[in-house]
Amino acid sequence: MDQRVKPSPDEIRRAREDNPKLRERDLAARTDHIQEVWAVRKPTKDGHVTSLETYDAKGGMIVQFFGKRHEGEDEREDWRFLAENLPRIPSPTAA
């Protein structure tokens, strides 16, 4: 079954404001292929940046998202807040 995440018209409008070349079909995701999603901090010469990374069942990266920024600029606080405050699914713990 083809499971896709469809953004709202407002989300599409905001994404196009940031990137006018973005097409609506670029925002679809095959969620049935996503096994794991990670918020990852990566060091840069300007401090760390936060990415959201999705992986399939074999550990292959599907897509990686970063907040919009230019070299020499700090990461946007709204992006960092969003990435660091996504819902978490409790993982099983070893006995």
N, C-alpha and C. Protein backbone atom coordinates (compact mmCIF):
# COMPACT_ATOMS: atom_id res chain seq x y z
N MET A 1 0.85 -1.18 0.00
CA MET A 1 0.00 0.00 0.00
C MET A 1 0.89 1.24 0.00
N ASP A 2 0.56 2.20 -0.81
CA ASP A 2 1.33 3.43 -0.93
C ASP A 2 0.89 4.41 0.14
N GLN A 3 1.70 4.56 1.20
CA GLN A 3 1.37 5.49 2.29
C GLN A 3 2.22 6.74 2.10
N ARG A 4 1.60 7.86 1.93
CA ARG A 4 2.32 9.11 1.74
C ARG A 4 1.86 10.13 2.76
N VAL A 5 2.79 11.01 3.12
CA VAL A 5 2.47 12.13 3.99
C VAL A 5 2.21 13.32 3.08
N LYS A 6 1.04 13.90 3.19
CA LYS A 6 0.67 15.03 2.33
C LYS A 6 0.65 16.30 3.17
N PRO A 7 1.52 17.26 2.87
CA PRO A 7 1.52 18.51 3.62
C PRO A 7 0.27 19.33 3.32
N SER A 8 -0.06 20.18 4.26
CA SER A 8 -1.23 21.05 4.08
C SER A 8 -0.90 22.14 3.05
N PRO A 9 -1.91 22.78 2.47
CA PRO A 9 -1.65 23.87 1.53
C PRO A 9 -0.81 24.99 2.15
N ASP A 10 -1.01 25.27 3.44
CA ASP A 10 -0.23 26.31 4.11
C ASP A 10 1.24 25.91 4.22
N GLU A 11 1.50 24.63 4.52
CA GLU A 11 2.88 24.14 4.60
C GLU A 11 3.56 24.22 3.23
N ILE A 12 2.83 23.90 2.17
CA ILE A 12 3.38 23.99 0.82
C ILE A 12 3.69 25.44 0.48
N ARG A 13 2.77 26.36 0.82
CA ARG A 13 2.99 27.78 0.53
C ARG A 13 4.26 28.27 1.23
N ARG A 14 4.42 27.93 2.53
CA ARG A 14 5.60 28.38 3.27
C ARG A 14 6.89 27.78 2.69
N ALA A 15 6.82 26.51 2.29
CA ALA A 15 8.01 25.88 1.69
C ALA A 15 8.37 26.55 0.37
N ARG A 16 7.37 26.92 -0.42
CA ARG A 16 7.64 27.59 -1.70
C ARG A 16 8.19 29.00 -1.49
N GLU A 17 7.79 29.65 -0.42
CA GLU A 17 8.35 30.97 -0.13
C GLU A 17 9.85 30.87 0.12
N ASP A 18 10.29 29.81 0.79
CA ASP A 18 11.71 29.58 1.05
C ASP A 18 12.44 29.09 -0.20
N ASN A 19 11.75 28.36 -1.08
CA ASN A 19 12.37 27.80 -2.27
C ASN A 19 11.35 27.79 -3.40
N PRO A 20 11.32 28.82 -4.24
CA PRO A 20 10.30 28.92 -5.28
C PRO A 20 10.35 27.77 -6.30
N LYS A 21 11.47 27.07 -6.42
CA LYS A 21 11.58 25.98 -7.39
C LYS A 21 11.00 24.68 -6.86
N LEU A 22 10.60 24.66 -5.60
CA LEU A 22 10.06 23.45 -5.00
C LEU A 22 8.70 23.13 -5.58
N ARG A 23 8.52 21.89 -5.97
CA ARG A 23 7.24 21.45 -6.52
C ARG A 23 6.51 20.63 -5.46
N GLU A 24 5.20 20.66 -5.50
CA GLU A 24 4.40 19.95 -4.51
C GLU A 24 4.75 18.47 -4.47
N ARG A 25 4.99 17.85 -5.60
CA ARG A 25 5.28 16.41 -5.59
C ARG A 25 6.58 16.09 -4.87
N ASP A 26 7.47 17.07 -4.69
CA ASP A 26 8.71 16.85 -3.98
C ASP A 26 8.50 16.67 -2.48
N LEU A 27 7.31 16.96 -1.98
CA LEU A 27 7.05 16.90 -0.55
C LEU A 27 6.39 15.59 -0.11
N ALA A 28 6.22 14.65 -1.04
CA ALA A 28 5.62 13.36 -0.68
C ALA A 28 6.70 12.44 -0.13
N ALA A 29 6.34 11.58 0.81
CA ALA A 29 7.29 10.64 1.39
C ALA A 29 6.64 9.27 1.50
N ARG A 30 7.38 8.24 1.14
CA ARG A 30 6.91 6.86 1.30
C ARG A 30 7.16 6.44 2.74
N THR A 31 6.20 6.73 3.60
CA THR A 31 6.39 6.45 5.03
C THR A 31 6.47 4.96 5.32
N ASP A 32 5.94 4.13 4.42
CA ASP A 32 6.04 2.69 4.64
C ASP A 32 7.47 2.18 4.47
N HIS A 33 8.35 2.99 3.90
CA HIS A 33 9.76 2.61 3.74
C HIS A 33 10.62 3.10 4.90
N ILE A 34 10.11 4.02 5.70
CA ILE A 34 10.90 4.61 6.79
C ILE A 34 10.87 3.70 8.01
N GLN A 35 12.06 3.29 8.44
CA GLN A 35 12.19 2.44 9.62
C GLN A 35 12.57 3.26 10.86
N GLU A 36 13.45 4.25 10.68
CA GLU A 36 13.93 5.07 11.80
C GLU A 36 14.05 6.51 11.36
N VAL A 37 13.85 7.41 12.32
CA VAL A 37 14.07 8.85 12.12
C VAL A 37 14.93 9.33 13.28
N TRP A 38 15.99 10.05 12.96
CA TRP A 38 16.92 10.55 13.98
C TRP A 38 17.08 12.05 13.86
N ALA A 39 17.14 12.73 15.00
CA ALA A 39 17.58 14.12 15.06
C ALA A 39 19.07 14.05 15.40
N VAL A 40 19.91 14.61 14.54
CA VAL A 40 21.36 14.45 14.66
C VAL A 40 22.03 15.82 14.74
N ARG A 41 22.94 15.98 15.69
CA ARG A 41 23.74 17.21 15.78
C ARG A 41 25.06 16.97 15.06
N LYS A 42 25.41 17.88 14.17
CA LYS A 42 26.64 17.76 13.39
C LYS A 42 27.50 18.98 13.65
N PRO A 43 28.79 18.77 13.94
CA PRO A 43 29.67 19.91 14.20
C PRO A 43 30.03 20.65 12.91
N THR A 44 30.08 21.97 12.99
CA THR A 44 30.59 22.80 11.90
C THR A 44 31.53 23.83 12.53
N LYS A 45 32.22 24.58 11.70
CA LYS A 45 33.10 25.62 12.25
C LYS A 45 32.30 26.75 12.91
N ASP A 46 30.99 26.80 12.65
CA ASP A 46 30.11 27.83 13.21
C ASP A 46 29.29 27.30 14.39
N GLY A 47 29.65 26.15 14.94
CA GLY A 47 28.84 25.51 15.97
C GLY A 47 28.15 24.30 15.38
N HIS A 48 27.23 23.71 16.10
CA HIS A 48 26.58 22.53 15.54
C HIS A 48 25.31 22.90 14.78
N VAL A 49 24.96 22.03 13.83
CA VAL A 49 23.69 22.13 13.11
C VAL A 49 22.93 20.84 13.37
N THR A 50 21.63 20.91 13.26
CA THR A 50 20.77 19.78 13.54
C THR A 50 20.12 19.30 12.25
N SER A 51 20.19 18.00 12.01
CA SER A 51 19.51 17.43 10.85
C SER A 51 18.49 16.41 11.31
N LEU A 52 17.47 16.20 10.49
CA LEU A 52 16.55 15.08 10.68
C LEU A 52 16.86 14.10 9.57
N GLU A 53 17.11 12.84 9.94
CA GLU A 53 17.52 11.83 8.97
C GLU A 53 16.58 10.64 9.05
N THR A 54 16.15 10.16 7.89
CA THR A 54 15.28 8.99 7.84
C THR A 54 16.03 7.84 7.20
N TYR A 55 15.82 6.62 7.74
CA TYR A 55 16.52 5.43 7.28
C TYR A 55 15.53 4.31 6.99
N ASP A 56 15.89 3.46 6.03
CA ASP A 56 15.08 2.29 5.72
C ASP A 56 15.50 1.11 6.60
N ALA A 57 14.87 -0.04 6.40
CA ALA A 57 15.11 -1.21 7.24
C ALA A 57 16.54 -1.74 7.12
N LYS A 58 17.23 -1.44 6.02
CA LYS A 58 18.61 -1.90 5.84
C LYS A 58 19.62 -0.87 6.32
N GLY A 59 19.15 0.23 6.89
CA GLY A 59 20.05 1.27 7.38
C GLY A 59 20.45 2.29 6.34
N GLY A 60 19.85 2.23 5.17
CA GLY A 60 20.14 3.20 4.11
C GLY A 60 19.39 4.50 4.34
N MET A 61 20.07 5.61 4.12
CA MET A 61 19.42 6.91 4.30
C MET A 61 18.42 7.15 3.17
N ILE A 62 17.23 7.59 3.55
CA ILE A 62 16.20 7.93 2.57
C ILE A 62 16.27 9.42 2.27
N VAL A 63 16.23 10.23 3.32
CA VAL A 63 16.29 11.68 3.13
C VAL A 63 16.87 12.32 4.39
N GLN A 64 17.49 13.47 4.19
CA GLN A 64 18.10 14.22 5.29
C GLN A 64 17.63 15.67 5.16
N PHE A 65 17.16 16.24 6.27
CA PHE A 65 16.67 17.61 6.29
C PHE A 65 17.54 18.47 7.18
N PHE A 66 17.83 19.70 6.74
CA PHE A 66 18.53 20.70 7.54
C PHE A 66 17.70 21.97 7.52
N GLY A 67 17.84 22.78 8.55
CA GLY A 67 17.23 24.11 8.54
C GLY A 67 17.99 25.00 7.57
N LYS A 68 17.30 25.95 6.98
CA LYS A 68 17.92 26.86 6.02
C LYS A 68 18.89 27.79 6.75
N ARG A 69 20.13 27.84 6.26
CA ARG A 69 21.13 28.74 6.81
C ARG A 69 22.25 28.91 5.80
N HIS A 70 23.05 29.94 5.98
CA HIS A 70 24.21 30.19 5.14
C HIS A 70 25.46 29.97 5.97
N GLU A 71 26.55 29.60 5.29
CA GLU A 71 27.82 29.42 5.99
C GLU A 71 28.18 30.68 6.76
N GLY A 72 28.64 30.49 7.97
CA GLY A 72 28.98 31.62 8.83
C GLY A 72 27.83 32.07 9.73
N GLU A 73 26.64 31.53 9.50
CA GLU A 73 25.47 31.88 10.31
C GLU A 73 25.17 30.76 11.29
N ASP A 74 24.61 31.13 12.42
CA ASP A 74 24.13 30.13 13.37
C ASP A 74 22.91 29.42 12.80
N GLU A 75 22.67 28.25 13.30
CA GLU A 75 21.47 27.52 12.94
C GLU A 75 20.25 28.29 13.45
N ARG A 76 19.17 28.27 12.70
CA ARG A 76 17.95 28.96 13.13
C ARG A 76 17.39 28.31 14.38
N GLU A 77 17.05 29.14 15.35
CA GLU A 77 16.50 28.65 16.62
C GLU A 77 15.18 27.92 16.42
N ASP A 78 14.33 28.40 15.49
CA ASP A 78 13.05 27.73 15.29
C ASP A 78 13.24 26.33 14.73
N TRP A 79 14.22 26.15 13.84
CA TRP A 79 14.50 24.82 13.30
C TRP A 79 15.03 23.90 14.40
N ARG A 80 15.99 24.39 15.17
CA ARG A 80 16.57 23.57 16.24
C ARG A 80 15.49 23.17 17.25
N PHE A 81 14.63 24.11 17.60
CA PHE A 81 13.54 23.81 18.55
C PHE A 81 12.63 22.73 17.98
N LEU A 82 12.25 22.87 16.71
CA LEU A 82 11.37 21.89 16.07
C LEU A 82 12.02 20.51 16.06
N ALA A 83 13.27 20.43 15.62
CA ALA A 83 13.96 19.14 15.52
C ALA A 83 14.16 18.48 16.88
N GLU A 84 14.48 19.28 17.88
CA GLU A 84 14.76 18.72 19.20
C GLU A 84 13.50 18.42 20.01
N ASN A 85 12.35 18.88 19.56
CA ASN A 85 11.12 18.67 20.32
C ASN A 85 10.07 17.84 19.59
N LEU A 86 10.50 17.08 18.60
CA LEU A 86 9.59 16.16 17.94
C LEU A 86 9.19 15.06 18.91
N PRO A 87 8.01 14.48 18.74
CA PRO A 87 7.61 13.38 19.62
C PRO A 87 8.61 12.23 19.54
N ARG A 88 8.83 11.61 20.67
CA ARG A 88 9.76 10.47 20.73
C ARG A 88 8.98 9.21 21.05
N ILE A 89 9.37 8.16 20.36
CA ILE A 89 8.77 6.85 20.62
C ILE A 89 9.69 6.12 21.59
N PRO A 90 9.16 5.71 22.73
CA PRO A 90 10.02 5.01 23.69
C PRO A 90 10.61 3.75 23.06
N SER A 91 11.91 3.55 23.26
CA SER A 91 12.56 2.36 22.74
C SER A 91 12.62 1.30 23.82
N PRO A 92 12.57 0.05 23.40
CA PRO A 92 12.63 -1.02 24.41
C PRO A 92 14.00 -1.01 25.10
N THR A 93 14.00 -1.37 26.35
CA THR A 93 15.26 -1.41 27.09
C THR A 93 15.60 -2.85 27.45
N ALA A 94 16.88 -3.12 27.49
CA ALA A 94 17.34 -4.47 27.85
C ALA A 94 17.13 -4.70 29.33
N ALA A 95 16.84 -5.92 29.70
CA ALA A 95 16.64 -6.26 31.11
C ALA A 95 17.96 -6.42 31.82
